[in-house]
Amino acid sequence: MSSNQNAPHRAVVEHLVRQAVYERMGVTVPQAAGAPNPLVVNVSARHCHLTQEAVEALFGPGHQLTVHKWLYQEGQFAAKETVTLIGPRSRVISNLRILGPCRTLNQVELAYTDAIALGFEIPLRGSGSIEGTPGGMLMGPAGFFKMEQGVIRALRHVHMGPVDAEYYGVKQGDDVGLRISGPCGLTLDKMLVRVDPSFKLEVHIDTDEGNACNLQADSHCEIIV
């Protein structure tokens, strides 16, 4: 494990920046008062999760994903490896980042804008709920891998540990809202709650949602129950 992992994660730094701006402006943040953990909101750009079988088809037998950047959730990372996604009518998105470690199913997560550019019609799904979803072709340096299904727009969601879930009064599978303030502020409804002892408190929205509210490091964000 590199020494860089001991430094504060960028998401935490951005949260501290927000808090410093609030204090200077004299703005109070009710949801943060007494909360066990800081609320981190991150934009999750298009990416894919792959099985080891798919990784080997794309990068060669025995290939293991290598860490490009550690993510906020423990043990999760953006891999150095990227692939090309080939959509309908041979439209492509290149440099699609793989997130590791490998999973038990193959899933590509796109924003609707990405899907339109590719010619896909994709459903809104929770991660792992891929039955009946469109597939696609992935291309890597060593070959191709055909996905029969698994191309989705991921439901916006919030990761919580049990302590956070108790604080907000929610449980796995509930829906909450997210209010993002600013010149382009908006409120997002139907944000899926995901609870696990390994989770840090973090919201994931996609690039369409992040661009719509112009999410910045000093954007005031709060969960609405």
Protein backbone atom coordinates (compact mmCIF):
# COMPACT_ATOMS: atom_id res chain seq x y z
CA MET A 1 0.00 0.00 0.00
CA SER A 2 1.50 3.32 -1.04
CA SER A 3 2.09 6.21 1.34
CA ASN A 4 -0.33 8.28 -0.76
CA GLN A 5 -3.18 6.31 0.77
CA ASN A 6 -2.38 7.89 4.13
CA ALA A 7 -3.12 11.36 2.77
CA PRO A 8 -6.70 12.71 2.97
CA HIS A 9 -8.86 11.61 0.05
CA ARG A 10 -9.81 14.36 -2.40
CA ALA A 11 -13.46 13.95 -1.41
CA VAL A 12 -12.58 14.69 2.22
CA VAL A 13 -10.51 17.71 1.21
CA GLU A 14 -13.46 19.05 -0.83
CA HIS A 15 -15.75 18.54 2.17
CA LEU A 16 -13.35 20.53 4.36
CA VAL A 17 -13.26 23.30 1.75
CA ARG A 18 -17.07 23.43 1.80
CA GLN A 19 -17.11 23.64 5.59
CA ALA A 20 -14.52 26.46 5.61
CA VAL A 21 -16.56 28.42 3.04
CA TYR A 22 -19.75 27.94 5.08
CA GLU A 23 -18.04 29.20 8.24
CA ARG A 24 -16.63 32.28 6.48
CA MET A 25 -20.06 33.08 5.03
CA GLY A 26 -21.76 32.47 8.36
CA VAL A 27 -23.86 29.69 6.84
CA THR A 28 -25.08 26.93 9.13
CA VAL A 29 -25.47 23.38 7.90
CA PRO A 30 -28.29 21.77 9.92
CA GLN A 31 -27.90 18.26 8.56
CA ALA A 32 -24.22 18.19 9.55
CA ALA A 33 -24.85 19.20 13.15
CA GLY A 34 -24.28 16.11 15.24
CA ALA A 35 -23.88 13.85 12.21
CA PRO A 36 -21.42 11.02 12.85
CA ASN A 37 -19.65 11.48 9.51
CA PRO A 38 -19.18 14.20 6.87
CA LEU A 39 -21.40 13.99 3.81
CA VAL A 40 -19.30 13.47 0.68
CA VAL A 41 -20.91 13.94 -2.74
CA ASN A 42 -19.05 12.67 -5.79
CA VAL A 43 -19.81 12.62 -9.49
CA SER A 44 -19.44 9.09 -10.83
CA ALA A 45 -18.37 9.34 -14.47
CA ARG A 46 -19.07 6.53 -16.95
CA HIS A 47 -17.21 3.35 -16.07
CA CYS A 48 -17.47 -0.42 -16.04
CA HIS A 49 -17.18 -3.31 -13.61
CA LEU A 50 -15.82 -6.54 -15.05
CA THR A 51 -15.34 -10.17 -14.14
CA GLN A 52 -11.87 -11.70 -14.20
CA GLU A 53 -12.96 -13.66 -17.28
CA ALA A 54 -13.73 -10.44 -19.13
CA VAL A 55 -10.47 -8.81 -18.02
CA GLU A 56 -8.47 -11.75 -19.39
CA ALA A 57 -10.39 -11.73 -22.69
CA LEU A 58 -9.61 -8.03 -23.10
CA PHE A 59 -6.06 -7.86 -21.72
CA GLY A 60 -4.71 -11.39 -21.97
CA PRO A 61 -4.62 -14.59 -19.87
CA GLY A 62 -3.78 -14.04 -16.21
CA HIS A 63 -3.98 -10.25 -16.42
CA GLN A 64 -4.72 -8.49 -13.12
CA LEU A 65 -6.16 -5.00 -12.81
CA THR A 66 -3.65 -2.40 -11.59
CA VAL A 67 -4.45 0.58 -9.37
CA HIS A 68 -4.58 4.01 -11.00
CA LYS A 69 -6.34 5.81 -8.12
CA TRP A 70 -7.93 4.65 -4.89
CA LEU A 71 -11.57 5.64 -4.49
CA TYR A 72 -13.33 6.93 -1.38
CA GLN A 73 -14.91 3.58 -0.54
CA GLU A 74 -12.41 1.24 1.11
CA GLY A 75 -10.77 -1.26 -1.23
CA GLN A 76 -12.29 0.24 -4.40
CA PHE A 77 -10.08 1.72 -7.11
CA ALA A 78 -10.03 3.17 -10.59
CA ALA A 79 -7.82 0.86 -12.64
CA LYS A 80 -5.14 1.95 -15.06
CA GLU A 81 -6.85 -0.24 -17.64
CA THR A 82 -9.49 1.21 -19.94
CA VAL A 83 -11.57 -0.32 -22.72
CA THR A 84 -13.56 0.81 -25.73
CA LEU A 85 -17.33 0.32 -25.65
CA ILE A 86 -18.89 -0.31 -29.04
CA GLY A 87 -22.56 0.57 -29.19
CA PRO A 88 -25.28 0.27 -31.81
CA ARG A 89 -24.32 1.25 -35.35
CA SER A 90 -20.63 0.95 -34.35
CA ARG A 91 -20.57 4.17 -32.34
CA VAL A 92 -17.89 4.00 -29.67
CA ILE A 93 -16.76 5.44 -26.36
CA SER A 94 -13.04 5.00 -25.86
CA ASN A 95 -11.05 5.10 -22.61
CA LEU A 96 -13.91 3.70 -20.56
CA ARG A 97 -12.39 3.27 -17.09
CA ILE A 98 -12.58 -0.07 -15.31
CA LEU A 99 -13.24 0.05 -11.57
CA GLY A 100 -11.75 -2.68 -9.44
CA PRO A 101 -11.53 -5.12 -7.92
CA CYS A 102 -13.19 -7.59 -10.30
CA ARG A 103 -16.81 -8.48 -9.70
CA THR A 104 -19.07 -11.45 -10.34
CA LEU A 105 -20.90 -9.76 -13.22
CA ASN A 106 -20.15 -7.34 -16.04
CA GLN A 107 -21.79 -3.93 -15.90
CA VAL A 108 -21.32 -0.67 -17.79
CA GLU A 109 -22.66 2.51 -16.17
CA LEU A 110 -23.42 5.45 -18.44
CA ALA A 111 -25.23 8.77 -18.13
CA TYR A 112 -28.16 9.28 -20.50
CA THR A 113 -26.07 11.73 -22.53
CA ASP A 114 -23.48 8.97 -23.08
CA ALA A 115 -26.19 6.53 -24.09
CA ILE A 116 -27.67 8.96 -26.62
CA ALA A 117 -24.23 9.49 -28.18
CA LEU A 118 -23.81 5.72 -28.52
CA GLY A 119 -27.34 5.03 -29.76
CA PHE A 120 -28.30 3.01 -26.68
CA GLU A 121 -31.66 3.01 -24.95
CA ILE A 122 -30.69 2.17 -21.38
CA PRO A 123 -32.84 1.61 -18.28
CA LEU A 124 -32.38 3.20 -14.88
CA ARG A 125 -31.26 0.42 -12.54
CA GLY A 126 -29.63 -0.26 -9.21
CA SER A 127 -26.13 -1.68 -9.44
CA GLY A 128 -26.24 -5.41 -10.13
CA SER A 129 -29.82 -5.35 -11.44
CA ILE A 130 -29.00 -6.07 -15.07
CA GLU A 131 -31.61 -8.63 -16.15
CA GLY A 132 -33.21 -7.57 -19.42
CA THR A 133 -30.79 -4.69 -20.01
CA PRO A 134 -28.98 -4.11 -23.32
CA GLY A 135 -25.55 -5.54 -23.96
CA GLY A 136 -22.59 -4.29 -25.91
CA MET A 137 -19.14 -5.12 -27.20
CA LEU A 138 -15.99 -4.22 -25.28
CA MET A 139 -12.63 -3.96 -27.00
CA GLY A 140 -9.27 -4.16 -25.27
CA PRO A 141 -5.66 -4.47 -26.42
CA ALA A 142 -5.83 -8.28 -26.46
CA GLY A 143 -9.30 -8.89 -27.85
CA PHE A 144 -13.05 -8.42 -27.56
CA PHE A 145 -15.62 -9.34 -24.96
CA LYS A 146 -19.33 -9.46 -25.77
CA MET A 147 -21.69 -8.43 -23.01
CA GLU A 148 -25.11 -9.98 -23.51
CA GLN A 149 -26.57 -7.52 -20.99
CA GLY A 150 -25.41 -5.04 -18.37
CA VAL A 151 -25.44 -1.53 -19.86
CA ILE A 152 -27.39 0.74 -17.48
CA ARG A 153 -27.79 4.19 -16.05
CA ALA A 154 -27.13 3.65 -12.35
CA LEU A 155 -29.67 4.93 -9.86
CA ARG A 156 -28.26 7.82 -7.86
CA HIS A 157 -27.48 6.41 -4.46
CA VAL A 158 -25.91 7.03 -1.09
CA HIS A 159 -23.52 4.65 0.65
CA MET A 160 -24.01 4.52 4.43
CA GLY A 161 -22.62 2.60 7.35
CA PRO A 162 -25.07 1.41 10.04
CA VAL A 163 -24.27 4.42 12.26
CA ASP A 164 -25.13 6.84 9.43
CA ALA A 165 -28.33 4.92 8.63
CA GLU A 166 -29.40 5.15 12.28
CA TYR A 167 -28.66 8.89 12.36
CA TYR A 168 -30.80 9.55 9.25
CA GLY A 169 -33.46 7.04 10.28
CA VAL A 170 -33.26 4.96 7.10
CA LYS A 171 -32.53 1.40 6.06
CA GLN A 172 -31.23 -0.50 3.04
CA GLY A 173 -33.45 0.10 -0.01
CA ASP A 174 -35.10 3.28 1.25
CA ASP A 175 -35.23 6.46 -0.84
CA VAL A 176 -34.00 9.85 0.34
CA GLY A 177 -33.46 13.20 -1.36
CA LEU A 178 -30.36 15.31 -1.91
CA ARG A 179 -30.45 19.10 -1.89
CA ILE A 180 -27.56 20.84 -3.66
CA SER A 181 -27.40 24.60 -3.27
CA GLY A 182 -25.82 27.22 -5.50
CA PRO A 183 -26.69 29.29 -8.60
CA CYS A 184 -27.78 26.09 -10.36
CA GLY A 185 -29.02 24.40 -7.20
CA LEU A 186 -31.52 21.59 -7.36
CA THR A 187 -33.10 18.84 -5.30
CA LEU A 188 -32.78 15.23 -6.42
CA ASP A 189 -35.48 12.79 -5.30
CA LYS A 190 -35.47 9.00 -5.18
CA MET A 191 -31.86 8.53 -4.14
CA LEU A 192 -31.37 4.88 -3.21
CA VAL A 193 -29.98 4.11 0.25
CA ARG A 194 -27.33 1.38 0.38
CA VAL A 195 -26.20 0.26 3.84
CA ASP A 196 -23.18 -1.88 4.69
CA PRO A 197 -20.70 -1.91 7.60
CA SER A 198 -17.85 -1.34 5.13
CA PHE A 199 -19.39 1.81 3.59
CA LYS A 200 -18.34 5.41 4.18
CA LEU A 201 -21.02 8.08 3.86
CA GLU A 202 -20.90 9.04 0.18
CA VAL A 203 -23.41 10.05 -2.48
CA HIS A 204 -22.88 9.08 -6.11
CA ILE A 205 -24.55 11.10 -8.86
CA ASP A 206 -23.71 10.82 -12.55
CA THR A 207 -22.23 13.42 -14.89
CA ASP A 208 -25.61 14.62 -16.18
CA GLU A 209 -26.76 15.29 -12.62
CA GLY A 210 -23.45 16.84 -11.60
CA ASN A 211 -23.42 19.15 -14.62
CA ALA A 212 -27.06 20.15 -14.11
CA CYS A 213 -26.29 21.61 -10.66
CA ASN A 214 -22.69 22.62 -11.46
CA LEU A 215 -21.46 20.67 -8.42
CA GLN A 216 -18.38 22.35 -6.93
CA ALA A 217 -16.11 21.73 -3.97
CA ASP A 218 -17.96 24.44 -2.03
CA SER A 219 -21.48 23.34 -3.00
CA HIS A 220 -23.72 23.01 0.05
CA CYS A 221 -25.21 19.48 0.00
CA GLU A 222 -27.61 17.87 2.44
CA ILE A 223 -29.60 14.67 2.64
CA ILE A 224 -33.38 15.09 2.91
CA VAL A 225 -35.29 12.31 4.63
